[in-house]
Protein backbone atom coordinates (compact mmCIF):
# COMPACT_ATOMS: atom_id res chain seq x y z
CA UNK A 1 7.67 -5.61 9.67
CA UNK A 2 7.46 -6.05 13.43
CA UNK A 3 5.88 -3.20 15.38
CA UNK A 4 9.04 -2.40 17.37
CA UNK A 5 11.18 -2.44 14.22
CA UNK A 6 8.65 -0.20 12.46
CA UNK A 7 8.75 2.25 15.39
CA UNK A 8 12.57 2.18 15.45
CA UNK A 9 12.79 2.94 11.72
CA UNK A 10 10.27 5.77 12.13
CA UNK A 11 12.33 7.29 14.95
CA UNK A 12 15.67 6.78 13.17
CA UNK A 13 14.49 8.51 9.99
CA UNK A 14 12.44 11.19 11.86
CA UNK A 15 9.18 10.18 10.15
CA UNK A 16 6.70 10.90 12.94
CA UNK A 17 3.14 10.63 11.59
CA UNK A 18 4.08 8.19 8.83
CA UNK A 19 3.82 4.40 8.53
CA UNK A 20 6.96 2.62 7.45
CA UNK A 21 6.46 -0.35 5.15
CA UNK A 22 8.99 -2.56 3.39
CA UNK A 23 12.69 -1.65 3.56
CA UNK A 24 14.88 -2.90 0.70
CA UNK A 25 18.59 -2.55 0.05
CA UNK A 26 20.32 -2.64 -3.31
CA UNK A 27 23.61 -1.30 -4.72
CA UNK A 28 24.42 1.88 -2.83
CA UNK A 29 20.87 2.68 -1.78
CA UNK A 30 18.19 1.82 0.76
CA UNK A 31 14.54 2.26 -0.18
CA UNK A 32 11.88 2.68 2.51
CA UNK A 33 8.18 2.52 1.64
CA UNK A 34 6.27 5.22 3.53
CA UNK A 35 2.62 6.27 3.72
CA UNK A 36 0.80 8.75 5.92
CA UNK A 37 -1.07 7.44 8.93
CA UNK A 38 -4.85 7.30 8.58
CA UNK A 39 -5.66 10.82 9.70
CA UNK A 40 -8.21 12.84 7.78
CA UNK A 41 -6.70 16.23 6.92
CA UNK A 42 -8.53 19.52 6.35
CA UNK A 43 -8.76 21.26 2.99
CA UNK A 44 -5.74 23.56 2.45
CA UNK A 45 -7.89 25.81 0.25
CA UNK A 46 -10.99 26.46 2.43
CA UNK A 47 -10.04 24.69 5.73
CA UNK A 48 -13.13 22.47 5.60
CA UNK A 49 -13.17 19.03 7.23
CA UNK A 50 -15.70 17.67 4.70
CA UNK A 51 -13.35 15.56 2.59
CA UNK A 52 -13.54 12.25 0.83
CA UNK A 53 -10.92 9.95 -0.70
CA UNK A 54 -10.33 10.68 -4.35
CA UNK A 55 -7.99 7.91 -5.46
CA UNK A 56 -4.26 7.50 -4.89
CA UNK A 57 -1.57 10.00 -5.76
CA UNK A 58 1.44 9.09 -7.86
CA UNK A 59 4.13 7.29 -5.85
CA UNK A 60 7.16 9.53 -5.40
CA UNK A 61 10.73 8.41 -4.77
CA UNK A 62 12.71 11.11 -2.95
CA UNK A 63 16.14 11.29 -1.34
CA UNK A 64 15.86 11.52 2.45
CA UNK A 65 19.32 10.94 3.99
CA UNK A 66 22.70 9.27 3.74
CA UNK A 67 23.76 6.49 6.07
CA UNK A 68 27.46 5.97 5.54
CA UNK A 69 27.98 5.62 1.80
CA UNK A 70 24.38 4.60 1.07
CA UNK A 71 21.59 6.94 0.07
CA UNK A 72 18.23 6.46 1.80
CA UNK A 73 15.25 6.98 -0.50
CA UNK A 74 11.63 7.23 0.61
CA UNK A 75 9.02 5.72 -1.67
CA UNK A 76 6.08 7.90 -0.68
CA UNK A 77 2.58 6.47 -1.25
CA UNK A 78 0.05 9.30 -0.94
CA UNK A 79 -3.73 9.49 -0.68
CA UNK A 80 -5.67 12.00 -2.81
CA UNK A 81 -8.49 13.92 -1.18
CA UNK A 82 -11.31 16.08 -2.55
CA UNK A 83 -13.21 18.74 -0.61
CA UNK A 84 -17.01 18.56 -0.59
CA UNK A 85 -17.23 22.33 0.01
CA UNK A 86 -14.99 23.88 -2.67
CA UNK A 87 -14.14 20.87 -4.90
CA UNK A 88 -10.39 21.39 -4.47
CA UNK A 89 -8.35 18.14 -4.66
CA UNK A 90 -4.94 17.57 -3.09
CA UNK A 91 -2.50 14.90 -1.90
CA UNK A 92 -1.59 14.24 1.72
CA UNK A 93 2.04 14.15 2.83
CA UNK A 94 2.90 17.60 1.47
CA UNK A 95 4.71 18.56 4.69
CA UNK A 96 7.41 15.98 3.92
CA UNK A 97 8.26 16.98 0.33
CA UNK A 98 7.98 20.26 -1.57
CA UNK A 99 6.21 20.15 -4.96
CA UNK A 100 8.52 19.03 -7.80
CA UNK A 101 11.39 18.37 -5.34
CA UNK A 102 13.50 15.22 -5.48
CA UNK A 103 14.50 15.37 -1.82
CA UNK A 104 12.68 15.71 1.48
CA UNK A 105 12.57 18.98 3.40
CA UNK A 106 14.77 17.42 6.13
CA UNK A 107 17.43 16.56 3.54
CA UNK A 108 17.31 20.12 2.16
CA UNK A 109 17.85 21.58 5.66
CA UNK A 110 20.77 19.21 6.31
CA UNK A 111 22.46 20.09 3.03
CA UNK A 112 21.97 23.82 3.68
CA UNK A 113 23.53 23.62 7.14
CA UNK A 114 26.51 21.60 5.84
CA UNK A 115 27.13 24.13 3.05
CA UNK A 116 26.92 27.06 5.51
CA UNK A 117 29.49 25.39 7.82
CA UNK A 118 31.85 24.81 4.88
CA UNK A 119 31.50 28.42 3.69
CA UNK A 120 32.06 29.70 7.24
CA UNK A 121 35.26 27.65 7.55
CA UNK A 122 36.54 28.80 4.13
CA UNK A 123 36.06 32.50 4.84
CA UNK A 124 37.11 32.34 8.48
CA UNK A 125 40.66 31.72 7.88
């Protein structure tokens, strides 16, 4: 994907800090491959910077948005890390998706705000 197109897709989908890969379209859905940018995180358990790569996490497919009638799914490729200090291992990209969730945090916020507007309009009058 061309650099300007990659940047445009990142801005459009509000994926700052992530690299956008291949975008595919099939019946009623768009799938966007996403991975975190090469930035070494700190350990969430002990806050140490002494980490090393510990394989790849399982690829997750999560609902991110709707564009018209089509659902936009992110195929999230994550790096596993292990801490040299405490031995704790974890995946990067946790700020995008909650554990065990099938949708991104941004999608959850959008759905919550839509539901609150509908409820407000129902009870208003």
